[in-house]
Amino acid sequence: MGTLYQRFSDYYYPQIFAKQPADPEKYKKMEEGVEFLNTFLANSTYAAGEDLTIADLSLAATMTTFEVAGFDFSKYENVAKWYAKCKANAPGWDLNEAGANEFKAYFDK
């Protein structure tokens, strides 16, 4: 799962920090990572079973960066349901969201 953030940064960081054009192949890799998570979540409520764990907190923090970048989760039903549960149940979610909202400024340009 660690590749999700790597795929995110491979796609977005060259655009944000080096003003390079978007690379459709890197976007496709990012989507493949989210699709893998979607498949993985098909048989469980959370990433490591039926209870919220640190795995979910880590993944949810990554998915928050996807969200502030405008990534569309609607094609990934399991991810969307899981992410909503994480938002509702993760301790300290407001802190995660506050940091993500600061990062959002890079995508509003």
Protein backbone atom coordinates (compact mmCIF):
# COMPACT_ATOMS: atom_id res chain seq x y z
CA MET A 1 0.00 0.00 0.00
CA GLY A 2 2.97 2.31 0.43
CA THR A 3 2.96 2.83 -3.31
CA LEU A 4 -0.22 4.91 -3.20
CA TYR A 5 1.54 8.02 -1.95
CA GLN A 6 4.49 7.37 -4.24
CA ARG A 7 2.15 7.22 -7.22
CA PHE A 8 0.44 10.39 -6.03
CA SER A 9 3.74 12.25 -5.72
CA ASP A 10 5.05 10.90 -9.03
CA TYR A 11 2.02 12.36 -10.78
CA TYR A 12 1.39 15.62 -8.93
CA TYR A 13 4.74 16.83 -7.61
CA PRO A 14 6.32 17.51 -11.02
CA GLN A 15 3.28 19.63 -11.85
CA ILE A 16 3.25 21.50 -8.56
CA PHE A 17 6.94 22.01 -7.91
CA ALA A 18 8.52 21.90 -11.38
CA LYS A 19 5.59 23.27 -13.43
CA GLN A 20 5.72 20.25 -15.73
CA PRO A 21 2.68 19.08 -17.69
CA ALA A 22 0.55 16.24 -16.37
CA ASP A 23 1.70 12.77 -17.41
CA PRO A 24 -1.32 10.57 -18.30
CA GLU A 25 0.69 7.37 -17.74
CA LYS A 26 1.50 8.41 -14.18
CA TYR A 27 -2.17 9.22 -13.59
CA LYS A 28 -3.07 5.75 -14.84
CA LYS A 29 -0.58 4.23 -12.35
CA MET A 30 -2.20 6.26 -9.59
CA GLU A 31 -5.63 4.95 -10.56
CA GLU A 32 -4.28 1.38 -10.62
CA GLY A 33 -3.12 1.82 -7.02
CA VAL A 34 -6.54 3.01 -5.90
CA GLU A 35 -8.17 0.16 -7.83
CA PHE A 36 -5.94 -2.30 -5.96
CA LEU A 37 -7.07 -0.82 -2.65
CA ASN A 38 -10.67 -0.98 -3.86
CA THR A 39 -10.31 -4.69 -4.61
CA PHE A 40 -8.55 -5.30 -1.31
CA LEU A 41 -11.41 -3.65 0.61
CA ALA A 42 -14.07 -5.77 -1.08
CA ASN A 43 -13.99 -8.35 1.70
CA SER A 44 -13.40 -6.28 4.81
CA THR A 45 -14.60 -3.13 6.50
CA TYR A 46 -11.11 -1.81 7.12
CA ALA A 47 -7.67 -2.44 5.62
CA ALA A 48 -6.67 -5.06 8.19
CA GLY A 49 -10.06 -6.58 8.98
CA GLU A 50 -13.18 -5.41 10.71
CA ASP A 51 -11.60 -2.90 13.10
CA LEU A 52 -9.91 0.44 12.51
CA THR A 53 -6.12 0.04 12.81
CA ILE A 54 -3.00 2.07 12.22
CA ALA A 55 -2.99 0.70 8.67
CA ASP A 56 -6.24 2.56 8.03
CA LEU A 57 -4.92 5.76 9.60
CA SER A 58 -1.88 5.69 7.35
CA LEU A 59 -3.86 4.90 4.22
CA ALA A 60 -6.56 7.44 5.05
CA ALA A 61 -3.95 10.18 5.46
CA THR A 62 -2.70 9.32 1.98
CA MET A 63 -6.20 9.30 0.55
CA THR A 64 -6.77 12.74 2.04
CA THR A 65 -4.03 14.06 -0.24
CA PHE A 66 -5.84 12.44 -3.16
CA GLU A 67 -9.05 14.14 -2.06
CA VAL A 68 -7.57 17.64 -1.80
CA ALA A 69 -6.06 17.16 -5.26
CA GLY A 70 -9.56 16.54 -6.59
CA PHE A 71 -9.24 12.79 -7.20
CA ASP A 72 -12.65 11.25 -7.97
CA PHE A 73 -13.37 8.32 -5.66
CA SER A 74 -16.81 7.64 -7.14
CA LYS A 75 -15.43 4.90 -9.42
CA TYR A 76 -14.09 3.07 -6.37
CA GLU A 77 -17.11 2.13 -4.27
CA ASN A 78 -15.21 0.17 -1.61
CA VAL A 79 -12.61 2.91 -1.19
CA ALA A 80 -15.31 5.58 -0.94
CA LYS A 81 -17.19 3.64 1.79
CA TRP A 82 -14.01 2.83 3.68
CA TYR A 83 -12.76 6.43 3.47
CA ALA A 84 -16.08 7.76 4.79
CA LYS A 85 -15.83 5.34 7.74
CA CYS A 86 -12.28 6.45 8.42
CA LYS A 87 -13.31 10.10 8.39
CA ALA A 88 -16.11 9.37 10.84
CA ASN A 89 -14.15 7.11 13.19
CA ALA A 90 -10.45 7.95 13.05
CA PRO A 91 -9.17 9.71 16.15
CA GLY A 92 -7.63 13.07 15.35
CA TRP A 93 -9.24 13.29 11.92
CA ASP A 94 -9.66 17.04 12.32
CA LEU A 95 -5.88 17.41 12.59
CA ASN A 96 -5.33 15.38 9.44
CA GLU A 97 -7.93 17.41 7.61
CA ALA A 98 -6.42 20.72 8.76
CA GLY A 99 -3.02 19.76 7.37
CA ALA A 100 -4.56 18.54 4.14
CA ASN A 101 -6.43 21.80 3.72
CA GLU A 102 -3.12 23.67 3.90
CA PHE A 103 -1.74 21.38 1.20
CA LYS A 104 -4.87 22.05 -0.89
CA ALA A 105 -3.58 25.51 -1.73
CA TYR A 106 -1.15 23.90 -4.18
CA PHE A 107 -4.07 22.51 -6.18
CA ASP A 108 -6.21 25.65 -6.19
CA LYS A 109 -3.80 27.56 -8.42
